[in-house]
Amino acid sequence: MADDLAELVRQAQDEDPLRALQATAALRREIERVEAVQVRRARVAGLPWAQIAHAIGVTKQAVHKKYGKR
């Protein structure tokens, strides 16, 4: 996974703007997926929404709205 992310970061710096944008979009999707997995792990471990929200730099309401119904 780390190698895949590193490759996407490299591709996001491509001189061709369309290839760079495609890589950036793919990178954003992968980061969103990883964040969702980590939020799920935190909830399974019993961490409260407020603590999770603080860790990712959003409000408790925002993190609960995004991940609370999954």
N, C-alpha and C. Protein backbone atom coordinates (compact mmCIF):
# COMPACT_ATOMS: atom_id res chain seq x y z
N MET A 1 0.82 -1.18 0.00
CA MET A 1 0.00 0.00 0.00
C MET A 1 0.86 1.25 0.00
N ALA A 2 1.89 1.31 0.81
CA ALA A 2 2.75 2.49 0.85
C ALA A 2 3.40 2.74 -0.49
N ASP A 3 3.79 1.67 -1.17
CA ASP A 3 4.39 1.82 -2.50
C ASP A 3 3.37 2.39 -3.49
N ASP A 4 2.13 1.93 -3.38
CA ASP A 4 1.08 2.44 -4.27
C ASP A 4 0.84 3.92 -4.03
N LEU A 5 0.79 4.32 -2.77
CA LEU A 5 0.60 5.74 -2.45
C LEU A 5 1.78 6.57 -2.95
N ALA A 6 2.98 6.07 -2.75
CA ALA A 6 4.16 6.79 -3.21
C ALA A 6 4.14 6.95 -4.73
N GLU A 7 3.69 5.91 -5.43
CA GLU A 7 3.60 5.99 -6.89
C GLU A 7 2.56 7.02 -7.32
N LEU A 8 1.43 7.06 -6.63
CA LEU A 8 0.41 8.06 -6.94
C LEU A 8 0.92 9.47 -6.69
N VAL A 9 1.68 9.66 -5.62
CA VAL A 9 2.26 10.97 -5.34
C VAL A 9 3.21 11.37 -6.47
N ARG A 10 4.03 10.44 -6.92
CA ARG A 10 4.94 10.73 -8.04
C ARG A 10 4.15 11.09 -9.30
N GLN A 11 3.11 10.32 -9.58
CA GLN A 11 2.30 10.58 -10.77
C GLN A 11 1.57 11.92 -10.68
N ALA A 12 1.21 12.33 -9.47
CA ALA A 12 0.52 13.60 -9.28
C ALA A 12 1.42 14.79 -9.59
N GLN A 13 2.70 14.55 -9.74
CA GLN A 13 3.64 15.60 -10.09
C GLN A 13 4.03 15.55 -11.57
N ASP A 14 3.30 14.75 -12.33
CA ASP A 14 3.57 14.59 -13.76
C ASP A 14 3.48 15.94 -14.47
N GLU A 15 4.26 16.11 -15.50
CA GLU A 15 4.23 17.35 -16.27
C GLU A 15 2.94 17.48 -17.08
N ASP A 16 2.33 16.37 -17.42
CA ASP A 16 1.06 16.40 -18.14
C ASP A 16 -0.04 16.68 -17.12
N PRO A 17 -0.74 17.80 -17.25
CA PRO A 17 -1.74 18.16 -16.24
C PRO A 17 -2.86 17.14 -16.10
N LEU A 18 -3.28 16.52 -17.19
CA LEU A 18 -4.36 15.53 -17.08
C LEU A 18 -3.91 14.29 -16.33
N ARG A 19 -2.72 13.81 -16.60
CA ARG A 19 -2.21 12.64 -15.86
C ARG A 19 -2.03 13.00 -14.39
N ALA A 20 -1.55 14.22 -14.12
CA ALA A 20 -1.38 14.66 -12.74
C ALA A 20 -2.72 14.74 -12.02
N LEU A 21 -3.74 15.25 -12.71
CA LEU A 21 -5.08 15.33 -12.10
C LEU A 21 -5.67 13.95 -11.84
N GLN A 22 -5.49 13.04 -12.79
CA GLN A 22 -5.99 11.68 -12.59
C GLN A 22 -5.33 11.03 -11.38
N ALA A 23 -4.04 11.21 -11.26
CA ALA A 23 -3.32 10.64 -10.11
C ALA A 23 -3.76 11.30 -8.82
N THR A 24 -3.98 12.61 -8.85
CA THR A 24 -4.43 13.32 -7.66
C THR A 24 -5.81 12.82 -7.21
N ALA A 25 -6.70 12.61 -8.16
CA ALA A 25 -8.03 12.09 -7.83
C ALA A 25 -7.93 10.68 -7.25
N ALA A 26 -7.09 9.85 -7.84
CA ALA A 26 -6.90 8.49 -7.33
C ALA A 26 -6.30 8.53 -5.92
N LEU A 27 -5.38 9.43 -5.71
CA LEU A 27 -4.75 9.58 -4.39
C LEU A 27 -5.79 10.00 -3.35
N ARG A 28 -6.64 10.96 -3.71
CA ARG A 28 -7.70 11.41 -2.79
C ARG A 28 -8.64 10.26 -2.44
N ARG A 29 -9.03 9.45 -3.44
CA ARG A 29 -9.91 8.31 -3.16
C ARG A 29 -9.24 7.32 -2.21
N GLU A 30 -7.98 7.06 -2.43
CA GLU A 30 -7.27 6.10 -1.57
C GLU A 30 -7.13 6.63 -0.14
N ILE A 31 -6.83 7.91 -0.01
CA ILE A 31 -6.74 8.51 1.33
C ILE A 31 -8.09 8.44 2.04
N GLU A 32 -9.18 8.73 1.31
CA GLU A 32 -10.52 8.62 1.90
C GLU A 32 -10.80 7.20 2.38
N ARG A 33 -10.40 6.23 1.59
CA ARG A 33 -10.61 4.83 1.95
C ARG A 33 -9.83 4.47 3.21
N VAL A 34 -8.57 4.89 3.27
CA VAL A 34 -7.72 4.61 4.43
C VAL A 34 -8.29 5.30 5.67
N GLU A 35 -8.74 6.54 5.52
CA GLU A 35 -9.33 7.25 6.66
C GLU A 35 -10.55 6.51 7.18
N ALA A 36 -11.40 6.04 6.28
CA ALA A 36 -12.61 5.31 6.70
C ALA A 36 -12.24 4.05 7.48
N VAL A 37 -11.24 3.35 7.02
CA VAL A 37 -10.79 2.14 7.72
C VAL A 37 -10.29 2.51 9.12
N GLN A 38 -9.52 3.57 9.23
CA GLN A 38 -8.97 3.96 10.52
C GLN A 38 -10.06 4.46 11.48
N VAL A 39 -11.03 5.17 10.95
CA VAL A 39 -12.15 5.61 11.80
C VAL A 39 -12.91 4.39 12.32
N ARG A 40 -13.16 3.42 11.44
CA ARG A 40 -13.84 2.19 11.85
C ARG A 40 -13.04 1.47 12.94
N ARG A 41 -11.72 1.40 12.75
CA ARG A 41 -10.87 0.75 13.76
C ARG A 41 -10.94 1.49 15.10
N ALA A 42 -10.94 2.82 15.03
CA ALA A 42 -11.01 3.61 16.26
C ALA A 42 -12.33 3.38 16.98
N ARG A 43 -13.43 3.32 16.22
CA ARG A 43 -14.73 3.08 16.85
C ARG A 43 -14.79 1.68 17.46
N VAL A 44 -14.28 0.68 16.76
CA VAL A 44 -14.26 -0.68 17.29
C VAL A 44 -13.43 -0.73 18.58
N ALA A 45 -12.39 0.08 18.64
CA ALA A 45 -11.55 0.13 19.84
C ALA A 45 -12.21 0.92 20.97
N GLY A 46 -13.39 1.50 20.69
CA GLY A 46 -14.12 2.20 21.74
C GLY A 46 -13.83 3.68 21.86
N LEU A 47 -13.12 4.25 20.91
CA LEU A 47 -12.82 5.68 20.99
C LEU A 47 -14.07 6.51 20.69
N PRO A 48 -14.27 7.60 21.44
CA PRO A 48 -15.45 8.43 21.20
C PRO A 48 -15.29 9.28 19.94
N TRP A 49 -16.43 9.70 19.37
CA TRP A 49 -16.41 10.51 18.16
C TRP A 49 -15.58 11.78 18.35
N ALA A 50 -15.65 12.39 19.52
CA ALA A 50 -14.91 13.63 19.76
C ALA A 50 -13.40 13.42 19.62
N GLN A 51 -12.91 12.33 20.12
CA GLN A 51 -11.48 12.05 20.04
C GLN A 51 -11.06 11.75 18.59
N ILE A 52 -11.89 11.02 17.88
CA ILE A 52 -11.62 10.72 16.47
C ILE A 52 -11.62 12.02 15.67
N ALA A 53 -12.62 12.86 15.91
CA ALA A 53 -12.73 14.13 15.20
C ALA A 53 -11.49 14.99 15.43
N HIS A 54 -11.05 15.06 16.66
CA HIS A 54 -9.85 15.85 16.98
C HIS A 54 -8.64 15.31 16.22
N ALA A 55 -8.51 14.00 16.14
CA ALA A 55 -7.36 13.39 15.47
C ALA A 55 -7.30 13.72 13.98
N ILE A 56 -8.47 13.88 13.35
CA ILE A 56 -8.46 14.17 11.91
C ILE A 56 -8.77 15.64 11.61
N GLY A 57 -8.93 16.45 12.65
CA GLY A 57 -9.05 17.89 12.46
C GLY A 57 -10.40 18.38 11.98
N VAL A 58 -11.46 17.71 12.41
CA VAL A 58 -12.81 18.15 12.07
C VAL A 58 -13.65 18.18 13.34
N THR A 59 -14.88 18.65 13.21
CA THR A 59 -15.76 18.64 14.38
C THR A 59 -16.32 17.24 14.61
N LYS A 60 -16.80 17.04 15.82
CA LYS A 60 -17.42 15.76 16.16
C LYS A 60 -18.63 15.52 15.26
N GLN A 61 -19.40 16.57 15.00
CA GLN A 61 -20.58 16.44 14.16
C GLN A 61 -20.19 16.03 12.74
N ALA A 62 -19.11 16.61 12.22
CA ALA A 62 -18.67 16.30 10.85
C ALA A 62 -18.24 14.85 10.71
N VAL A 63 -17.46 14.37 11.66
CA VAL A 63 -16.99 12.99 11.57
C VAL A 63 -18.14 12.01 11.77
N HIS A 64 -19.05 12.35 12.66
CA HIS A 64 -20.19 11.46 12.88
C HIS A 64 -21.09 11.44 11.66
N LYS A 65 -21.30 12.59 11.03
CA LYS A 65 -22.14 12.65 9.83
C LYS A 65 -21.52 11.82 8.70
N LYS A 66 -20.20 11.93 8.55
CA LYS A 66 -19.52 11.24 7.45
C LYS A 66 -19.42 9.73 7.68
N TYR A 67 -19.15 9.33 8.92
CA TYR A 67 -18.86 7.92 9.19
C TYR A 67 -19.83 7.22 10.13
N GLY A 68 -20.74 7.96 10.73
CA GLY A 68 -21.60 7.40 11.76
C GLY A 68 -22.59 6.37 11.31
N LYS A 69 -23.00 6.41 10.08
CA LYS A 69 -24.04 5.50 9.60
C LYS A 69 -23.48 4.31 8.84
N ARG A 70 -22.17 4.20 8.81
CA ARG A 70 -21.55 3.09 8.04
C ARG A 70 -21.53 1.83 8.85
